[in-house]
C-alpha atoms as a PDB file:
ATOM      1  CA  CYS A   1     165.950 104.730 188.387  1.00  0.00           C
ATOM      2  CA  LEU A   2     166.352 101.775 186.032  1.00  0.00           C
ATOM      3  CA  LEU A   3     168.956 100.014 188.151  1.00  0.00           C
ATOM      4  CA  PRO A   4     169.489  97.181 188.557  1.00  0.00           C
ATOM      5  CA  TYR A   5     168.961  96.537 184.860  1.00  0.00           C
ATOM      6  CA  PRO A   6     167.363  94.673 183.179  1.00  0.00           C
ATOM      7  CA  SER A   7     164.775  93.826 185.813  1.00  0.00           C
ATOM      8  CA  SER A   8     161.363  92.189 185.807  1.00  0.00           C
ATOM      9  CA  TYR A   9     160.189  95.184 187.838  1.00  0.00           C
ATOM     10  CA  PHE A  10     159.638  96.857 184.461  1.00  0.00           C
ATOM     11  CA  LEU A  11     157.509  94.036 183.047  1.00  0.00           C
ATOM     12  CA  ARG A  12     153.726  93.713 183.251  1.00  0.00           C
ATOM     13  CA  PRO A  13     151.524  90.697 182.557  1.00  0.00           C
ATOM     14  CA  ASP A  14     150.265  90.446 178.971  1.00  0.00           C
ATOM     15  CA  PRO A  15     148.767  87.092 177.935  1.00  0.00           C
ATOM     16  CA  SER A  16     148.881  88.100 174.254  1.00  0.00           C
ATOM     17  CA  THR A  17     152.695  87.794 174.055  1.00  0.00           C
ATOM     18  CA  PRO A  18     154.819  84.620 173.851  1.00  0.00           C
ATOM     19  CA  THR A  19     156.408  85.346 177.238  1.00  0.00           C
ATOM     20  CA  GLY A  20     153.117  86.421 178.816  1.00  0.00           C
ATOM     21  CA  LEU A  21     154.777  89.746 179.635  1.00  0.00           C
ATOM     22  CA  ARG A  22     155.401  93.165 178.162  1.00  0.00           C
ATOM     23  CA  VAL A  23     157.943  95.879 178.926  1.00  0.00           C
ATOM     24  CA  ASN A  24     156.341  98.697 180.898  1.00  0.00           C
ATOM     25  CA  TYR A  25     158.552 101.775 181.221  1.00  0.00           C
ATOM     26  CA  GLY A  26     156.861 104.901 182.512  1.00  0.00           C
ATOM     27  CA  ALA A  27     157.061 108.196 180.642  1.00  0.00           C
ATOM     28  CA  ASP A  28     159.878 109.458 182.889  1.00  0.00           C
ATOM     29  CA  ALA A  29     161.664 106.145 183.530  1.00  0.00           C
ATOM     30  CA  LEU A  30     164.319 106.378 180.808  1.00  0.00           C
ATOM     31  CA  PRO A  31     167.256 108.824 180.804  1.00  0.00           C
ATOM     32  CA  ALA A  32     166.741 112.490 179.954  1.00  0.00           C
ATOM     33  CA  ASN A  33     168.835 114.751 177.731  1.00  0.00           C
ATOM     34  CA  ILE A  34     170.338 118.056 178.871  1.00  0.00           C
ATOM     35  CA  ALA A  35     167.016 119.751 178.180  1.00  0.00           C
ATOM     36  CA  GLY A  36     165.272 117.397 180.592  1.00  0.00           C
ATOM     37  CA  LYS A  37     163.384 115.493 177.873  1.00  0.00           C
ATOM     38  CA  HIS A  38     163.179 111.760 178.589  1.00  0.00           C
ATOM     39  CA  ILE A  39     163.637 109.046 175.963  1.00  0.00           C
ATOM     40  CA  ASP A  40     160.225 108.023 174.648  1.00  0.00           C
ATOM     41  CA  PRO A  41     159.555 104.422 175.847  1.00  0.00           C
ATOM     42  CA  THR A  42     156.791 103.714 173.300  1.00  0.00           C
ATOM     43  CA  ASP A  43     158.784 101.395 171.015  1.00  0.00           C
ATOM     44  CA  LEU A  44     160.492  99.593 173.901  1.00  0.00           C
ATOM     45  CA  ASN A  45     157.100  98.996 175.491  1.00  0.00           C
ATOM     46  CA  THR A  46     156.094  96.853 172.506  1.00  0.00           C
ATOM     47  CA  LEU A  47     158.641  94.179 173.496  1.00  0.00           C
ATOM     48  CA  ASP A  48     157.798  91.099 175.567  1.00  0.00           C
ATOM     49  CA  GLY A  49     161.096  91.082 177.463  1.00  0.00           C
ATOM     50  CA  PHE A  50     164.648  92.384 177.336  1.00  0.00           C
ATOM     51  CA  SER A  51     167.472  91.875 174.862  1.00  0.00           C
ATOM     52  CA  PRO A  52     169.089  88.401 175.018  1.00  0.00           C
ATOM     53  CA  GLY A  53     172.423  90.163 174.563  1.00  0.00           C
ATOM     54  CA  PRO A  54     172.134  92.364 177.641  1.00  0.00           C
ATOM     55  CA  VAL A  55     174.521  94.631 179.453  1.00  0.00           C
ATOM     56  CA  VAL A  56     173.674  93.970 183.108  1.00  0.00           C
ATOM     57  CA  LEU A  57     174.035  97.039 185.330  1.00  0.00           C
ATOM     58  CA  SER A  58     174.029  97.640 189.069  1.00  0.00           C
ATOM     59  CA  LEU A  59     175.223 100.359 191.416  1.00  0.00           C
ATOM     60  CA  PHE A  60     176.960 100.217 194.832  1.00  0.00           C
ATOM     61  CA  PRO A  61     177.813 103.806 195.868  1.00  0.00           C
ATOM     62  CA  ASP A  62     177.112 103.746 199.593  1.00  0.00           C
ATOM     63  CA  THR A  63     180.658 103.515 201.003  1.00  0.00           C
ATOM     64  CA  GLY A  64     181.712 106.551 198.979  1.00  0.00           C
ATOM     65  CA  TYR A  65     184.301 104.533 197.049  1.00  0.00           C
ATOM     66  CA  PRO A  66     183.962 102.410 193.897  1.00  0.00           C
ATOM     67  CA  VAL A  67     183.783  98.636 193.998  1.00  0.00           C
ATOM     68  CA  ASP A  68     187.210  97.022 193.641  1.00  0.00           C
ATOM     69  CA  LEU A  69     186.532  94.081 191.352  1.00  0.00           C
ATOM     70  CA  GLY A  70     190.127  92.805 191.559  1.00  0.00           C
ATOM     71  CA  ALA A  71     190.137  92.690 195.353  1.00  0.00           C
ATOM     72  CA  SER A  72     186.654  91.156 195.244  1.00  0.00           C
ATOM     73  CA  GLY A  73     187.891  88.321 193.024  1.00  0.00           C
ATOM     74  CA  VAL A  74     185.594  88.995 190.079  1.00  0.00           C
ATOM     75  CA  ALA A  75     186.490  87.450 186.704  1.00  0.00           C
ATOM     76  CA  THR A  76     187.880  89.748 184.025  1.00  0.00           C
ATOM     77  CA  HIS A  77     187.424  89.561 180.252  1.00  0.00           C
ATOM     78  CA  VAL A  78     190.267  87.018 180.006  1.00  0.00           C
ATOM     79  CA  GLU A  79     188.867  84.806 182.769  1.00  0.00           C
ATOM     80  CA  TYR A  80     185.379  83.826 181.614  1.00  0.00           C
ATOM     81  CA  PRO A  81     185.574  80.256 182.986  1.00  0.00           C
ATOM     82  CA  ARG A  82     186.279  81.526 186.505  1.00  0.00           C
ATOM     83  CA  SER A  83     182.839  83.156 186.591  1.00  0.00           C
ATOM     84  CA  LEU A  84     181.346  79.648 186.762  1.00  0.00           C
ATOM     85  CA  GLU A  85     183.103  78.783 190.020  1.00  0.00           C
ATOM     86  CA  ALA A  86     180.812  78.005 192.948  1.00  0.00           C
ATOM     87  CA  ASN A  87     181.992  80.914 195.089  1.00  0.00           C
ATOM     88  CA  HIS A  88     182.290  83.558 192.358  1.00  0.00           C
ATOM     89  CA  PRO A  89     180.995  86.961 193.553  1.00  0.00           C
ATOM     90  CA  THR A  90     178.775  87.582 190.515  1.00  0.00           C
ATOM     91  CA  VAL A  91     176.324  84.939 189.347  1.00  0.00           C
ATOM     92  CA  LEU A  92     174.200  84.805 186.203  1.00  0.00           C
ATOM     93  CA  LEU A  93     172.038  81.735 185.765  1.00  0.00           C
ATOM     94  CA  ALA A  94     169.028  80.360 183.930  1.00  0.00           C
ATOM     95  CA  ALA A  95     166.099  80.309 186.349  1.00  0.00           C
ATOM     96  CA  SER A  96     164.542  77.085 185.061  1.00  0.00           C
ATOM     97  CA  SER A  97     167.667  74.911 185.000  1.00  0.00           C
ATOM     98  CA  GLY A  98     169.995  76.651 187.447  1.00  0.00           C
ATOM     99  CA  LYS A  99     172.731  76.512 184.798  1.00  0.00           C
ATOM    100  CA  ARG A 100     175.326  79.242 185.236  1.00  0.00           C
ATOM    101  CA  VAL A 101     176.218  81.559 182.380  1.00  0.00           C
ATOM    102  CA  PRO A 102     179.869  82.543 181.790  1.00  0.00           C
ATOM    103  CA  HIS A 103     180.477  86.260 182.062  1.00  0.00           C
ATOM    104  CA  PHE A 104     182.908  88.913 183.180  1.00  0.00           C
ATOM    105  CA  ALA A 105     182.454  92.187 185.018  1.00  0.00           C
ATOM    106  CA  GLU A 106     183.984  95.643 184.837  1.00  0.00           C
ATOM    107  CA  MET A 107     183.411  99.077 186.322  1.00  0.00           C
ATOM    108  CA  ASP A 108     182.263 101.931 184.105  1.00  0.00           C
ATOM    109  CA  GLU A 109     185.566 103.685 183.433  1.00  0.00           C
ATOM    110  CA  GLN A 110     183.925 106.646 181.714  1.00  0.00           C
ATOM    111  CA  ILE A 111     182.504 107.968 184.983  1.00  0.00           C
ATOM    112  CA  ALA A 112     184.469 108.994 188.070  1.00  0.00           C
ATOM    113  CA  ASP A 113     181.481 109.902 190.255  1.00  0.00           C
ATOM    114  CA  VAL A 114     180.941 106.922 192.568  1.00  0.00           C
ATOM    115  CA  ALA A 115     177.222 107.731 192.746  1.00  0.00           C
ATOM    116  CA  ARG A 116     176.953 106.988 189.002  1.00  0.00           C
ATOM    117  CA  LYS A 117     179.771 104.479 188.462  1.00  0.00           C
ATOM    118  CA  ALA A 118     178.016 101.269 187.458  1.00  0.00           C
ATOM    119  CA  LEU A 119     179.186  97.692 187.854  1.00  0.00           C
ATOM    120  CA  ILE A 120     178.769  96.121 184.411  1.00  0.00           C
ATOM    121  CA  ILE A 121     178.264  92.379 183.880  1.00  0.00           C
ATOM    122  CA  ARG A 122     178.733  91.154 180.318  1.00  0.00           C
ATOM    123  CA  PRO A 123     177.504  87.635 179.450  1.00  0.00           C
ATOM    124  CA  GLY A 124     179.904  85.563 177.380  1.00  0.00           C
ATOM    125  CA  VAL A 125     177.101  83.960 175.367  1.00  0.00           C
ATOM    126  CA  ARG A 126     173.799  85.084 173.920  1.00  0.00           C
ATOM    127  CA  LEU A 127     171.003  84.359 176.380  1.00  0.00           C
ATOM    128  CA  ASP A 128     168.020  82.253 175.315  1.00  0.00           C
ATOM    129  CA  ASP A 129     164.904  83.874 173.899  1.00  0.00           C
ATOM    130  CA  ALA A 130     161.766  83.926 176.050  1.00  0.00           C
ATOM    131  CA  SER A 131     163.728  82.696 179.062  1.00  0.00           C
ATOM    132  CA  ARG A 132     164.074  83.905 182.640  1.00  0.00           C
ATOM    133  CA  TYR A 133     167.463  84.618 184.188  1.00  0.00           C
ATOM    134  CA  LEU A 134     168.631  85.442 187.692  1.00  0.00           C
ATOM    135  CA  VAL A 135     171.450  87.795 188.648  1.00  0.00           C
ATOM    136  CA  ALA A 136     173.142  87.585 192.053  1.00  0.00           C
ATOM    137  CA  ILE A 137     175.958  89.700 193.501  1.00  0.00           C
ATOM    138  CA  ARG A 138     177.795  89.028 196.763  1.00  0.00           C
ATOM    139  CA  ASN A 139     181.097  89.446 198.656  1.00  0.00           C
ATOM    140  CA  LEU A 140     182.242  92.759 197.152  1.00  0.00           C
ATOM    141  CA  VAL A 141     184.661  95.240 198.688  1.00  0.00           C
ATOM    142  CA  ASP A 142     185.414  98.812 197.693  1.00  0.00           C
ATOM    143  CA  THR A 143     188.787 100.327 196.806  1.00  0.00           C
ATOM    144  CA  GLN A 144     189.493 100.890 200.519  1.00  0.00           C
ATOM    145  CA  GLY A 145     188.827  97.250 201.351  1.00  0.00           C
ATOM    146  CA  THR A 146     185.503  98.038 203.020  1.00  0.00           C
ATOM    147  CA  PRO A 147     182.860  95.326 202.534  1.00  0.00           C
ATOM    148  CA  ILE A 148     179.833  96.460 200.526  1.00  0.00           C
ATOM    149  CA  ARG A 149     176.531  96.092 202.384  1.00  0.00           C
ATOM    150  CA  PRO A 150     173.078  95.668 200.847  1.00  0.00           C
ATOM    151  CA  ARG A 151     170.707  98.614 200.856  1.00  0.00           C
ATOM    152  CA  LEU A 152     167.692  98.720 203.163  1.00  0.00           C
ATOM    153  CA  ALA A 153     165.062  97.630 200.620  1.00  0.00           C
ATOM    154  CA  PHE A 154     166.992  94.576 199.490  1.00  0.00           C
ATOM    155  CA  ARG A 155     168.056  93.706 203.029  1.00  0.00           C
ATOM    156  CA  ALA A 156     164.410  93.801 204.078  1.00  0.00           C
ATOM    157  CA  LEU A 157     163.513  91.322 201.323  1.00  0.00           C
ATOM    158  CA  ARG A 158     166.530  89.082 201.888  1.00  0.00           C
ATOM    159  CA  ASP A 159     166.102  88.932 205.660  1.00  0.00           C
ATOM    160  CA  ALA A 160     162.274  88.834 205.635  1.00  0.00           C
ATOM    161  CA  VAL A 161     162.035  91.940 207.818  1.00  0.00           C
ATOM    162  CA  ALA A 162     158.513  92.297 209.232  1.00  0.00           C
ATOM    163  CA  THR A 163     156.267  94.940 207.689  1.00  0.00           C
ATOM    164  CA  ALA A 164     155.840  96.835 210.959  1.00  0.00           C
ATOM    165  CA  GLU A 165     159.579  97.034 211.523  1.00  0.00           C
ATOM    166  CA  LEU A 166     160.106  98.137 207.940  1.00  0.00           C
ATOM    167  CA  ALA A 167     157.406 100.820 208.161  1.00  0.00           C
ATOM    168  CA  ALA A 168     159.098 102.231 211.251  1.00  0.00           C
ATOM    169  CA  ALA A 169     162.385 102.426 209.355  1.00  0.00           C
ATOM    170  CA  CYS A 170     161.260 103.851 206.007  1.00  0.00           C
ATOM    171  CA  GLY A 171     157.535 104.698 206.210  1.00  0.00           C
ATOM    172  CA  ALA A 172     154.272 102.990 205.327  1.00  0.00           C
ATOM    173  CA  ALA A 173     154.496 103.627 201.576  1.00  0.00           C
ATOM    174  CA  CYS A 174     158.019 102.198 201.431  1.00  0.00           C
ATOM    175  CA  ALA A 175     156.958  99.126 203.418  1.00  0.00           C
ATOM    176  CA  ALA A 176     153.965  98.543 201.137  1.00  0.00           C
ATOM    177  CA  ALA A 177     156.137  98.775 198.009  1.00  0.00           C
ATOM    178  CA  ILE A 178     158.586  96.233 199.425  1.00  0.00           C
ATOM    179  CA  ASP A 179     155.784  93.923 200.562  1.00  0.00           C
ATOM    180  CA  ALA A 180     154.430  93.902 196.993  1.00  0.00           C
ATOM    181  CA  ARG A 181     157.720  92.387 195.790  1.00  0.00           C
ATOM    182  CA  ARG A 182     158.186  89.740 198.486  1.00  0.00           C
ATOM    183  CA  ALA A 183     156.698  86.820 196.535  1.00  0.00           C
ATOM    184  CA  VAL A 184     158.897  87.548 193.513  1.00  0.00           C
ATOM    185  CA  PHE A 185     162.035  87.665 195.636  1.00  0.00           C
ATOM    186  CA  GLU A 186     161.204  84.559 197.623  1.00  0.00           C
ATOM    187  CA  ASP A 187     161.167  82.719 194.307  1.00  0.00           C
ATOM    188  CA  VAL A 188     164.514  84.305 193.381  1.00  0.00           C
ATOM    189  CA  PHE A 189     166.079  83.366 196.733  1.00  0.00           C
ATOM    190  CA  THR A 190     164.776  79.805 196.547  1.00  0.00           C
ATOM    191  CA  ARG A 191     166.146  79.227 193.051  1.00  0.00           C
ATOM    192  CA  LEU A 192     169.497  80.777 193.923  1.00  0.00           C
ATOM    193  CA  GLY A 193     169.711  78.638 197.051  1.00  0.00           C
ATOM    194  CA  THR A 194     169.073  75.511 195.008  1.00  0.00           C
ATOM    195  CA  ALA A 195     171.920  76.596 192.712  1.00  0.00           C
ATOM    196  CA  GLY A 196     174.294  76.944 195.677  1.00  0.00           C
ATOM    197  CA  VAL A 197     173.983  80.700 196.255  1.00  0.00           C
ATOM    198  CA  PRO A 198     172.801  81.274 199.860  1.00  0.00           C
ATOM    199  CA  ARG A 199     170.465  84.226 200.357  1.00  0.00           C
ATOM    200  CA  ALA A 200     172.383  85.408 203.438  1.00  0.00           C
ATOM    201  CA  SER A 201     175.425  86.132 201.247  1.00  0.00           C
ATOM    202  CA  LEU A 202     173.594  88.373 198.788  1.00  0.00           C
ATOM    203  CA  LEU A 203     174.181  92.079 198.307  1.00  0.00           C
ATOM    204  CA  LEU A 204     171.716  92.242 195.445  1.00  0.00           C
ATOM    205  CA  ALA A 205     169.741  89.793 193.334  1.00  0.00           C
ATOM    206  CA  TRP A 206     166.948  90.086 190.813  1.00  0.00           C
ATOM    207  CA  ARG A 207     165.321  88.348 187.869  1.00  0.00           C
ATOM    208  CA  SER A 208     164.786  89.271 184.244  1.00  0.00           C
ATOM    209  CA  VAL A 209     163.046  87.819 181.198  1.00  0.00           C
ATOM    210  CA  MET A 210     164.495  87.835 177.694  1.00  0.00           C
ATOM    211  CA  GLN A 211     162.240  88.759 174.792  1.00  0.00           C
ATOM    212  CA  SER A 212     160.870  86.060 172.511  1.00  0.00           C
ATOM    213  CA  GLY A 213     162.477  87.437 169.367  1.00  0.00           C
ATOM    214  CA  PRO A 214     163.938  90.550 167.742  1.00  0.00           C
ATOM    215  CA  ARG A 215     160.717  91.819 166.189  1.00  0.00           C
ATOM    216  CA  LEU A 216     158.741  94.586 167.886  1.00  0.00           C
ATOM    217  CA  ARG A 217     155.357  93.263 168.937  1.00  0.00           C
ATOM    218  CA  GLN A 218     152.380  95.566 168.587  1.00  0.00           C
END
């Protein structure tokens, strides 16, 4: 699963690129057609980050009902400035400066299935090349008014759940995979906290890196 997208999870170190990174999609990571054939990631894996004009995607299906962005107080396409308010539920900011980026959010109206109905964040400006950004989402409710809760993996990172406790809940392999991401997320939580976004409020957060330019890099 590519979600949340775009995420630094799909980047690998590469000192030969301007960002020091390179996209690293596996052979079966991208969507498949009706014949089961996945999109070939070869060309995308030449890039040193993601598009600076991204569509930011996440998924919150666990209550069985879609997220209600209106009831959650999320800015619409005619309310860009409101997305910069301190308590706004969705946050997009530059990691180095903590500067917030204006944006709006919408639900994917082409899909009714809550298990596939993405929350879409659309930045109001082009993001900077070769720059790192953080995404944070908090305080959402579904269409029944039920608060959305974070999933186990993210909750374990956010709340610093001990490895032994985590292994008992989801298995040793799961715990090891989460442990491997702890350092990355501690950096994310620290930077968000400095920008006034407390980690305890988070339903989901992640970081991403924009590519250094439009040209494919061999």
